[in-house]
Amino acid sequence: MGPSTLSLRFEDIDTDGATAEIVGPYGASQIIVRQTGDYLHLVQMFTVGPLYTTTVIDRETRDGRFMAVHARHEYTDTQLVGFTSRPEQYYGDCAVEP
């Protein structure tokens, strides 16, 4: 499997209140946020079962970007192009926008 591109947008991150929003093609969803040391964990749980996690690590990669890992814990019997049907994991970096 080769390189891929994944774009996620998180807004209204409130580490004290443990909440944030992830903005996707179908609108925004409320998610859970936890900051532990140099790690910011963003957790999205779906009512039908899947769990997605994104962790941003306070380690600069380049040009003010930070290390990031995204994992999708999901399995469906039917595979459709463009939709998650098997577990996935992505490694890379992310930008922080004002």
PDB file of N, CA and C in Angstrom:
ATOM      1  N   MET A   1       0.840  -1.167   0.000  1.00  0.00           N
ATOM      2  CA  MET A   1       0.000   0.000   0.000  1.00  0.00           C
ATOM      3  C   MET A   1       0.889   1.235   0.000  1.00  0.00           C
ATOM      4  N   GLY A   2       0.553   2.200  -0.830  1.00  0.00           N
ATOM      5  CA  GLY A   2       1.373   3.393  -0.975  1.00  0.00           C
ATOM      6  C   GLY A   2       0.880   4.554  -0.151  1.00  0.00           C
ATOM      7  N   PRO A   3       1.515   5.706  -0.343  1.00  0.00           N
ATOM      8  CA  PRO A   3       1.114   6.913   0.378  1.00  0.00           C
ATOM      9  C   PRO A   3      -0.320   7.322   0.037  1.00  0.00           C
ATOM     10  N   SER A   4      -0.957   7.965   0.977  1.00  0.00           N
ATOM     11  CA  SER A   4      -2.313   8.465   0.759  1.00  0.00           C
ATOM     12  C   SER A   4      -2.442   9.826   1.432  1.00  0.00           C
ATOM     13  N   THR A   5      -3.497  10.524   1.080  1.00  0.00           N
ATOM     14  CA  THR A   5      -3.754  11.835   1.662  1.00  0.00           C
ATOM     15  C   THR A   5      -5.039  11.780   2.477  1.00  0.00           C
ATOM     16  N   LEU A   6      -4.970  12.272   3.686  1.00  0.00           N
ATOM     17  CA  LEU A   6      -6.134  12.336   4.561  1.00  0.00           C
ATOM     18  C   LEU A   6      -6.199  13.746   5.126  1.00  0.00           C
ATOM     19  N   SER A   7      -7.336  14.381   4.986  1.00  0.00           N
ATOM     20  CA  SER A   7      -7.514  15.733   5.522  1.00  0.00           C
ATOM     21  C   SER A   7      -8.658  15.735   6.520  1.00  0.00           C
ATOM     22  N   LEU A   8      -8.369  16.196   7.724  1.00  0.00           N
ATOM     23  CA  LEU A   8      -9.373  16.329   8.780  1.00  0.00           C
ATOM     24  C   LEU A   8      -9.323  17.759   9.294  1.00  0.00           C
ATOM     25  N   ARG A   9     -10.470  18.252   9.731  1.00  0.00           N
ATOM     26  CA  ARG A   9     -10.512  19.603  10.298  1.00  0.00           C
ATOM     27  C   ARG A   9     -11.217  19.552  11.654  1.00  0.00           C
ATOM     28  N   PHE A  10     -10.489  19.967  12.687  1.00  0.00           N
ATOM     29  CA  PHE A  10     -11.036  20.040  14.033  1.00  0.00           C
ATOM     30  C   PHE A  10     -11.214  21.503  14.396  1.00  0.00           C
ATOM     31  N   GLU A  11     -12.339  21.827  15.012  1.00  0.00           N
ATOM     32  CA  GLU A  11     -12.627  23.206  15.409  1.00  0.00           C
ATOM     33  C   GLU A  11     -13.111  23.244  16.853  1.00  0.00           C
ATOM     34  N   ASP A  12     -13.097  24.432  17.421  1.00  0.00           N
ATOM     35  CA  ASP A  12     -13.610  24.674  18.779  1.00  0.00           C
ATOM     36  C   ASP A  12     -13.042  23.680  19.789  1.00  0.00           C
ATOM     37  N   ILE A  13     -11.739  23.460  19.742  1.00  0.00           N
ATOM     38  CA  ILE A  13     -11.095  22.521  20.666  1.00  0.00           C
ATOM     39  C   ILE A  13     -11.038  23.152  22.055  1.00  0.00           C
ATOM     40  N   ASP A  14     -11.633  22.477  23.030  1.00  0.00           N
ATOM     41  CA  ASP A  14     -11.690  22.940  24.417  1.00  0.00           C
ATOM     42  C   ASP A  14     -11.137  21.828  25.304  1.00  0.00           C
ATOM     43  N   THR A  15      -9.849  21.908  25.629  1.00  0.00           N
ATOM     44  CA  THR A  15      -9.245  20.841  26.429  1.00  0.00           C
ATOM     45  C   THR A  15      -9.771  20.829  27.859  1.00  0.00           C
ATOM     46  N   ASP A  16     -10.166  21.987  28.401  1.00  0.00           N
ATOM     47  CA  ASP A  16     -10.735  22.019  29.752  1.00  0.00           C
ATOM     48  C   ASP A  16     -12.106  21.344  29.786  1.00  0.00           C
ATOM     49  N   GLY A  17     -12.920  21.588  28.786  1.00  0.00           N
ATOM     50  CA  GLY A  17     -14.256  20.993  28.708  1.00  0.00           C
ATOM     51  C   GLY A  17     -14.279  19.632  28.034  1.00  0.00           C
ATOM     52  N   ALA A  18     -13.128  19.214  27.488  1.00  0.00           N
ATOM     53  CA  ALA A  18     -12.963  17.907  26.833  1.00  0.00           C
ATOM     54  C   ALA A  18     -13.844  17.745  25.598  1.00  0.00           C
ATOM     55  N   THR A  19     -14.071  18.846  24.863  1.00  0.00           N
ATOM     56  CA  THR A  19     -14.923  18.781  23.678  1.00  0.00           C
ATOM     57  C   THR A  19     -14.249  19.450  22.482  1.00  0.00           C
ATOM     58  N   ALA A  20     -14.709  19.075  21.306  1.00  0.00           N
ATOM     59  CA  ALA A  20     -14.287  19.695  20.050  1.00  0.00           C
ATOM     60  C   ALA A  20     -15.299  19.299  18.990  1.00  0.00           C
ATOM     61  N   GLU A  21     -15.118  19.840  17.804  1.00  0.00           N
ATOM     62  CA  GLU A  21     -15.935  19.452  16.660  1.00  0.00           C
ATOM     63  C   GLU A  21     -15.016  18.992  15.548  1.00  0.00           C
ATOM     64  N   ILE A  22     -15.435  17.952  14.852  1.00  0.00           N
ATOM     65  CA  ILE A  22     -14.769  17.560  13.621  1.00  0.00           C
ATOM     66  C   ILE A  22     -15.718  17.944  12.500  1.00  0.00           C
ATOM     67  N   VAL A  23     -15.185  18.620  11.499  1.00  0.00           N
ATOM     68  CA  VAL A  23     -16.007  19.096  10.392  1.00  0.00           C
ATOM     69  C   VAL A  23     -15.750  18.201   9.186  1.00  0.00           C
ATOM     70  N   GLY A  24     -16.816  17.601   8.692  1.00  0.00           N
ATOM     71  CA  GLY A  24     -16.696  16.705   7.552  1.00  0.00           C
ATOM     72  C   GLY A  24     -17.650  17.078   6.444  1.00  0.00           C
ATOM     73  N   PRO A  25     -17.713  16.242   5.421  1.00  0.00           N
ATOM     74  CA  PRO A  25     -18.568  16.546   4.269  1.00  0.00           C
ATOM     75  C   PRO A  25     -20.060  16.563   4.602  1.00  0.00           C
ATOM     76  N   TYR A  26     -20.451  15.966   5.730  1.00  0.00           N
ATOM     77  CA  TYR A  26     -21.865  15.909   6.116  1.00  0.00           C
ATOM     78  C   TYR A  26     -22.174  16.814   7.301  1.00  0.00           C
ATOM     79  N   GLY A  27     -21.246  17.732   7.608  1.00  0.00           N
ATOM     80  CA  GLY A  27     -21.453  18.648   8.713  1.00  0.00           C
ATOM     81  C   GLY A  27     -20.488  18.395   9.856  1.00  0.00           C
ATOM     82  N   ALA A  28     -20.747  19.034  10.980  1.00  0.00           N
ATOM     83  CA  ALA A  28     -19.876  18.922  12.152  1.00  0.00           C
ATOM     84  C   ALA A  28     -20.426  17.900  13.131  1.00  0.00           C
ATOM     85  N   SER A  29     -19.512  17.231  13.839  1.00  0.00           N
ATOM     86  CA  SER A  29     -19.881  16.269  14.882  1.00  0.00           C
ATOM     87  C   SER A  29     -19.117  16.603  16.153  1.00  0.00           C
ATOM     88  N   GLN A  30     -19.772  16.462  17.289  1.00  0.00           N
ATOM     89  CA  GLN A  30     -19.123  16.653  18.580  1.00  0.00           C
ATOM     90  C   GLN A  30     -18.228  15.450  18.870  1.00  0.00           C
ATOM     91  N   ILE A  31     -17.025  15.722  19.383  1.00  0.00           N
ATOM     92  CA  ILE A  31     -16.106  14.653  19.735  1.00  0.00           C
ATOM     93  C   ILE A  31     -15.507  14.922  21.109  1.00  0.00           C
ATOM     94  N   ILE A  32     -14.766  13.943  21.603  1.00  0.00           N
ATOM     95  CA  ILE A  32     -14.117  14.025  22.913  1.00  0.00           C
ATOM     96  C   ILE A  32     -12.650  14.400  22.719  1.00  0.00           C
ATOM     97  N   VAL A  33     -12.135  15.250  23.612  1.00  0.00           N
ATOM     98  CA  VAL A  33     -10.734  15.669  23.558  1.00  0.00           C
ATOM     99  C   VAL A  33     -10.084  15.408  24.906  1.00  0.00           C
ATOM    100  N   ARG A  34      -8.858  14.903  24.873  1.00  0.00           N
ATOM    101  CA  ARG A  34      -8.065  14.736  26.094  1.00  0.00           C
ATOM    102  C   ARG A  34      -6.643  15.175  25.787  1.00  0.00           C
ATOM    103  N   GLN A  35      -6.083  15.996  26.668  1.00  0.00           N
ATOM    104  CA  GLN A  35      -4.682  16.367  26.536  1.00  0.00           C
ATOM    105  C   GLN A  35      -3.923  15.723  27.678  1.00  0.00           C
ATOM    106  N   THR A  36      -2.907  14.942  27.327  1.00  0.00           N
ATOM    107  CA  THR A  36      -2.071  14.290  28.330  1.00  0.00           C
ATOM    108  C   THR A  36      -0.620  14.553  27.958  1.00  0.00           C
ATOM    109  N   GLY A  37       0.056  15.339  28.769  1.00  0.00           N
ATOM    110  CA  GLY A  37       1.444  15.679  28.467  1.00  0.00           C
ATOM    111  C   GLY A  37       1.550  16.368  27.120  1.00  0.00           C
ATOM    112  N   ASP A  38       2.397  15.825  26.262  1.00  0.00           N
ATOM    113  CA  ASP A  38       2.625  16.394  24.935  1.00  0.00           C
ATOM    114  C   ASP A  38       1.689  15.837  23.873  1.00  0.00           C
ATOM    115  N   TYR A  39       0.631  15.168  24.279  1.00  0.00           N
ATOM    116  CA  TYR A  39      -0.287  14.514  23.343  1.00  0.00           C
ATOM    117  C   TYR A  39      -1.686  15.117  23.441  1.00  0.00           C
ATOM    118  N   LEU A  40      -2.281  15.378  22.279  1.00  0.00           N
ATOM    119  CA  LEU A  40      -3.669  15.820  22.208  1.00  0.00           C
ATOM    120  C   LEU A  40      -4.444  14.722  21.490  1.00  0.00           C
ATOM    121  N   HIS A  41      -5.365  14.074  22.209  1.00  0.00           N
ATOM    122  CA  HIS A  41      -6.149  12.969  21.656  1.00  0.00           C
ATOM    123  C   HIS A  41      -7.548  13.473  21.310  1.00  0.00           C
ATOM    124  N   LEU A  42      -7.980  13.209  20.082  1.00  0.00           N
ATOM    125  CA  LEU A  42      -9.316  13.572  19.617  1.00  0.00           C
ATOM    126  C   LEU A  42     -10.025  12.267  19.276  1.00  0.00           C
ATOM    127  N   VAL A  43     -11.153  12.006  19.927  1.00  0.00           N
ATOM    128  CA  VAL A  43     -11.829  10.711  19.825  1.00  0.00           C
ATOM    129  C   VAL A  43     -13.240  10.899  19.286  1.00  0.00           C
ATOM    130  N   GLN A  44     -13.541  10.185  18.220  1.00  0.00           N
ATOM    131  CA  GLN A  44     -14.871  10.236  17.607  1.00  0.00           C
ATOM    132  C   GLN A  44     -15.477   8.838  17.671  1.00  0.00           C
ATOM    133  N   MET A  45     -16.612   8.722  18.368  1.00  0.00           N
ATOM    134  CA  MET A  45     -17.324   7.447  18.475  1.00  0.00           C
ATOM    135  C   MET A  45     -18.647   7.557  17.740  1.00  0.00           C
ATOM    136  N   PHE A  46     -18.930   6.571  16.917  1.00  0.00           N
ATOM    137  CA  PHE A  46     -20.163   6.566  16.144  1.00  0.00           C
ATOM    138  C   PHE A  46     -21.210   5.697  16.833  1.00  0.00           C
ATOM    139  N   THR A  47     -22.478   6.057  16.711  1.00  0.00           N
ATOM    140  CA  THR A  47     -23.548   5.302  17.372  1.00  0.00           C
ATOM    141  C   THR A  47     -23.682   3.886  16.831  1.00  0.00           C
ATOM    142  N   VAL A  48     -23.188   3.640  15.626  1.00  0.00           N
ATOM    143  CA  VAL A  48     -23.279   2.296  15.040  1.00  0.00           C
ATOM    144  C   VAL A  48     -22.035   1.458  15.321  1.00  0.00           C
ATOM    145  N   GLY A  49     -21.068   1.991  16.102  1.00  0.00           N
ATOM    146  CA  GLY A  49     -19.960   1.168  16.541  1.00  0.00           C
ATOM    147  C   GLY A  49     -18.543   1.631  16.274  1.00  0.00           C
ATOM    148  N   PRO A  50     -18.210   2.175  15.099  1.00  0.00           N
ATOM    149  CA  PRO A  50     -16.816   2.522  14.827  1.00  0.00           C
ATOM    150  C   PRO A  50     -16.245   3.569  15.785  1.00  0.00           C
ATOM    151  N   LEU A  51     -14.929   3.545  15.903  1.00  0.00           N
ATOM    152  CA  LEU A  51     -14.181   4.480  16.734  1.00  0.00           C
ATOM    153  C   LEU A  51     -13.029   5.024  15.900  1.00  0.00           C
ATOM    154  N   TYR A  52     -12.913   6.350  15.827  1.00  0.00           N
ATOM    155  CA  TYR A  52     -11.799   6.999  15.135  1.00  0.00           C
ATOM    156  C   TYR A  52     -11.018   7.790  16.175  1.00  0.00           C
ATOM    157  N   THR A  53      -9.705   7.722  16.120  1.00  0.00           N
ATOM    158  CA  THR A  53      -8.874   8.519  17.019  1.00  0.00           C
ATOM    159  C   THR A  53      -7.812   9.270  16.215  1.00  0.00           C
ATOM    160  N   THR A  54      -7.563  10.479  16.630  1.00  0.00           N
ATOM    161  CA  THR A  54      -6.473  11.271  16.065  1.00  0.00           C
ATOM    162  C   THR A  54      -5.642  11.768  17.233  1.00  0.00           C
ATOM    163  N   THR A  55      -4.338  11.584  17.153  1.00  0.00           N
ATOM    164  CA  THR A  55      -3.439  12.078  18.181  1.00  0.00           C
ATOM    165  C   THR A  55      -2.450  13.038  17.544  1.00  0.00           C
ATOM    166  N   VAL A  56      -2.372  14.235  18.097  1.00  0.00           N
ATOM    167  CA  VAL A  56      -1.391  15.227  17.663  1.00  0.00           C
ATOM    168  C   VAL A  56      -0.326  15.282  18.748  1.00  0.00           C
ATOM    169  N   ILE A  57       0.926  15.133  18.332  1.00  0.00           N
ATOM    170  CA  ILE A  57       2.050  15.080  19.266  1.00  0.00           C
ATOM    171  C   ILE A  57       2.835  16.386  19.161  1.00  0.00           C
ATOM    172  N   ASP A  58       3.184  16.943  20.294  1.00  0.00           N
ATOM    173  CA  ASP A  58       3.887  18.226  20.332  1.00  0.00           C
ATOM    174  C   ASP A  58       5.349  18.058  19.919  1.00  0.00           C
ATOM    175  N   ARG A  59       5.536  17.639  18.675  1.00  0.00           N
ATOM    176  CA  ARG A  59       6.860  17.498  18.070  1.00  0.00           C
ATOM    177  C   ARG A  59       6.780  18.108  16.674  1.00  0.00           C
ATOM    178  N   GLU A  60       7.530  19.162  16.457  1.00  0.00           N
ATOM    179  CA  GLU A  60       7.475  19.844  15.157  1.00  0.00           C
ATOM    180  C   GLU A  60       8.152  18.986  14.093  1.00  0.00           C
ATOM    181  N   THR A  61       7.484  18.868  12.934  1.00  0.00           N
ATOM    182  CA  THR A  61       8.047  18.103  11.823  1.00  0.00           C
ATOM    183  C   THR A  61       8.735  19.027  10.834  1.00  0.00           C
ATOM    184  N   ARG A  62       8.053  20.077  10.433  1.00  0.00           N
ATOM    185  CA  ARG A  62       8.598  21.058   9.484  1.00  0.00           C
ATOM    186  C   ARG A  62       7.651  22.248   9.418  1.00  0.00           C
ATOM    187  N   ASP A  63       8.187  23.391   9.198  1.00  0.00           N
ATOM    188  CA  ASP A  63       7.389  24.598   8.956  1.00  0.00           C
ATOM    189  C   ASP A  63       6.229  24.779   9.935  1.00  0.00           C
ATOM    190  N   GLY A  64       6.451  24.515  11.216  1.00  0.00           N
ATOM    191  CA  GLY A  64       5.405  24.717  12.211  1.00  0.00           C
ATOM    192  C   GLY A  64       4.331  23.641  12.243  1.00  0.00           C
ATOM    193  N   ARG A  65       4.554  22.539  11.551  1.00  0.00           N
ATOM    194  CA  ARG A  65       3.588  21.430  11.551  1.00  0.00           C
ATOM    195  C   ARG A  65       3.965  20.451  12.665  1.00  0.00           C
ATOM    196  N   PHE A  66       2.985  19.639  13.102  1.00  0.00           N
ATOM    197  CA  PHE A  66       3.207  18.722  14.211  1.00  0.00           C
ATOM    198  C   PHE A  66       2.904  17.283  13.812  1.00  0.00           C
ATOM    199  N   MET A  67       3.588  16.348  14.463  1.00  0.00           N
ATOM    200  CA  MET A  67       3.359  14.922  14.208  1.00  0.00           C
ATOM    201  C   MET A  67       1.910  14.571  14.518  1.00  0.00           C
ATOM    202  N   ALA A  68       1.340  13.653  13.721  1.00  0.00           N
ATOM    203  CA  ALA A  68      -0.042  13.231  13.946  1.00  0.00           C
ATOM    204  C   ALA A  68      -0.228  11.781  13.512  1.00  0.00           C
ATOM    205  N   VAL A  69      -1.142  11.099  14.201  1.00  0.00           N
ATOM    206  CA  VAL A  69      -1.521   9.721  13.878  1.00  0.00           C
ATOM    207  C   VAL A  69      -3.042   9.659  13.901  1.00  0.00           C
ATOM    208  N   HIS A  70      -3.633   9.008  12.906  1.00  0.00           N
ATOM    209  CA  HIS A  70      -5.088   8.837  12.842  1.00  0.00           C
ATOM    210  C   HIS A  70      -5.377   7.359  12.639  1.00  0.00           C
ATOM    211  N   ALA A  71      -6.277   6.803  13.444  1.00  0.00           N
ATOM    212  CA  ALA A  71      -6.646   5.387  13.327  1.00  0.00           C
ATOM    213  C   ALA A  71      -8.157   5.246  13.247  1.00  0.00           C
ATOM    214  N   ARG A  72      -8.582   4.300  12.426  1.00  0.00           N
ATOM    215  CA  ARG A  72     -10.011   4.009  12.278  1.00  0.00           C
ATOM    216  C   ARG A  72     -10.245   2.550  12.632  1.00  0.00           C
ATOM    217  N   HIS A  73     -11.056   2.348  13.659  1.00  0.00           N
ATOM    218  CA  HIS A  73     -11.396   1.005  14.127  1.00  0.00           C
ATOM    219  C   HIS A  73     -12.790   0.699  13.605  1.00  0.00           C
ATOM    220  N   GLU A  74     -12.837   0.000  12.484  1.00  0.00           N
ATOM    221  CA  GLU A  74     -14.114  -0.216  11.815  1.00  0.00           C
ATOM    222  C   GLU A  74     -14.015  -1.449  10.925  1.00  0.00           C
ATOM    223  N   TYR A  75     -15.121  -2.170  10.803  1.00  0.00           N
ATOM    224  CA  TYR A  75     -15.178  -3.315   9.888  1.00  0.00           C
ATOM    225  C   TYR A  75     -16.606  -3.486   9.387  1.00  0.00           C
ATOM    226  N   THR A  76     -16.747  -3.593   8.078  1.00  0.00           N
ATOM    227  CA  THR A  76     -18.038  -3.930   7.479  1.00  0.00           C
ATOM    228  C   THR A  76     -17.814  -5.036   6.459  1.00  0.00           C
ATOM    229  N   ASP A  77     -18.824  -5.860   6.260  1.00  0.00           N
ATOM    230  CA  ASP A  77     -18.705  -6.968   5.310  1.00  0.00           C
ATOM    231  C   ASP A  77     -18.599  -6.483   3.872  1.00  0.00           C
ATOM    232  N   THR A  78     -19.249  -5.377   3.565  1.00  0.00           N
ATOM    233  CA  THR A  78     -19.258  -4.841   2.207  1.00  0.00           C
ATOM    234  C   THR A  78     -18.204  -3.756   2.073  1.00  0.00           C
ATOM    235  N   GLN A  79     -17.403  -3.824   1.013  1.00  0.00           N
ATOM    236  CA  GLN A  79     -16.394  -2.803   0.759  1.00  0.00           C
ATOM    237  C   GLN A  79     -16.859  -1.889  -0.365  1.00  0.00           C
ATOM    238  N   LEU A  80     -16.848  -0.576  -0.101  1.00  0.00           N
ATOM    239  CA  LEU A  80     -17.207   0.427  -1.095  1.00  0.00           C
ATOM    240  C   LEU A  80     -16.053   1.406  -1.253  1.00  0.00           C
ATOM    241  N   VAL A  81     -15.706   1.713  -2.483  1.00  0.00           N
ATOM    242  CA  VAL A  81     -14.625   2.656  -2.749  1.00  0.00           C
ATOM    243  C   VAL A  81     -14.960   4.009  -2.124  1.00  0.00           C
ATOM    244  N   GLY A  82     -13.991   4.568  -1.398  1.00  0.00           N
ATOM    245  CA  GLY A  82     -14.186   5.874  -0.777  1.00  0.00           C
ATOM    246  C   GLY A  82     -14.768   5.830   0.621  1.00  0.00           C
ATOM    247  N   PHE A  83     -15.088   4.640   1.123  1.00  0.00           N
ATOM    248  CA  PHE A  83     -15.645   4.496   2.468  1.00  0.00           C
ATOM    249  C   PHE A  83     -14.788   3.529   3.271  1.00  0.00           C
ATOM    250  N   THR A  84     -14.669   3.771   4.565  1.00  0.00           N
ATOM    251  CA  THR A  84     -13.894   2.889   5.430  1.00  0.00           C
ATOM    252  C   THR A  84     -14.674   1.616   5.688  1.00  0.00           C
ATOM    253  N   SER A  85     -14.050   0.479   5.434  1.00  0.00           N
ATOM    254  CA  SER A  85     -14.702  -0.799   5.706  1.00  0.00           C
ATOM    255  C   SER A  85     -13.780  -1.751   6.459  1.00  0.00           C
ATOM    256  N   ARG A  86     -12.522  -1.384   6.606  1.00  0.00           N
ATOM    257  CA  ARG A  86     -11.536  -2.174   7.325  1.00  0.00           C
ATOM    258  C   ARG A  86     -10.729  -1.228   8.218  1.00  0.00           C
ATOM    259  N   PRO A  87     -10.058  -1.752   9.256  1.00  0.00           N
ATOM    260  CA  PRO A  87      -9.225  -0.880  10.084  1.00  0.00           C
ATOM    261  C   PRO A  87      -8.170  -0.165   9.234  1.00  0.00           C
ATOM    262  N   GLU A  88      -7.905   1.094   9.582  1.00  0.00           N
ATOM    263  CA  GLU A  88      -6.930   1.907   8.850  1.00  0.00           C
ATOM    264  C   GLU A  88      -6.093   2.701   9.839  1.00  0.00           C
ATOM    265  N   GLN A  89      -4.853   3.001   9.437  1.00  0.00           N
ATOM    266  CA  GLN A  89      -4.014   3.874  10.251  1.00  0.00           C
ATOM    267  C   GLN A  89      -3.193   4.771   9.331  1.00  0.00           C
ATOM    268  N   TYR A  90      -3.100   6.042   9.708  1.00  0.00           N
ATOM    269  CA  TYR A  90      -2.384   7.040   8.925  1.00  0.00           C
ATOM    270  C   TYR A  90      -1.355   7.723   9.819  1.00  0.00           C
ATOM    271  N   TYR A  91      -0.175   8.000   9.275  1.00  0.00           N
ATOM    272  CA  TYR A  91       0.882   8.717   9.979  1.00  0.00           C
ATOM    273  C   TYR A  91       1.248   9.939   9.159  1.00  0.00           C
ATOM    274  N   GLY A  92       1.531  11.035   9.813  1.00  0.00           N
ATOM    275  CA  GLY A  92       1.938  12.219   9.069  1.00  0.00           C
ATOM    276  C   GLY A  92       2.095  13.406   9.980  1.00  0.00           C
ATOM    277  N   ASP A  93       1.667  14.558   9.474  1.00  0.00           N
ATOM    278  CA  ASP A  93       1.732  15.755  10.293  1.00  0.00           C
ATOM    279  C   ASP A  93       0.516  16.624  10.019  1.00  0.00           C
ATOM    280  N   CYS A  94       0.367  17.646  10.839  1.00  0.00           N
ATOM    281  CA  CYS A  94      -0.803  18.511  10.707  1.00  0.00           C
ATOM    282  C   CYS A  94      -0.408  19.960  10.944  1.00  0.00           C
ATOM    283  N   ALA A  95      -1.257  20.846  10.468  1.00  0.00           N
ATOM    284  CA  ALA A  95      -1.046  22.278  10.647  1.00  0.00           C
ATOM    285  C   ALA A  95      -2.042  22.809  11.665  1.00  0.00           C
ATOM    286  N   VAL A  96      -1.611  23.771  12.444  1.00  0.00           N
ATOM    287  CA  VAL A  96      -2.494  24.452  13.384  1.00  0.00           C
ATOM    288  C   VAL A  96      -2.823  25.801  12.771  1.00  0.00           C
ATOM    289  N   GLU A  97      -4.115  26.053  12.580  1.00  0.00           N
ATOM    290  CA  GLU A  97      -4.550  27.310  11.981  1.00  0.00           C
ATOM    291  C   GLU A  97      -5.184  28.192  13.043  1.00  0.00           C
ATOM    292  N   PRO A  98      -5.010  29.516  12.915  1.00  0.00           N
ATOM    293  CA  PRO A  98      -5.606  30.427  13.910  1.00  0.00           C
ATOM    294  C   PRO A  98      -7.118  30.421  13.848  1.00  0.00           C
TER     295      PRO A  98
END
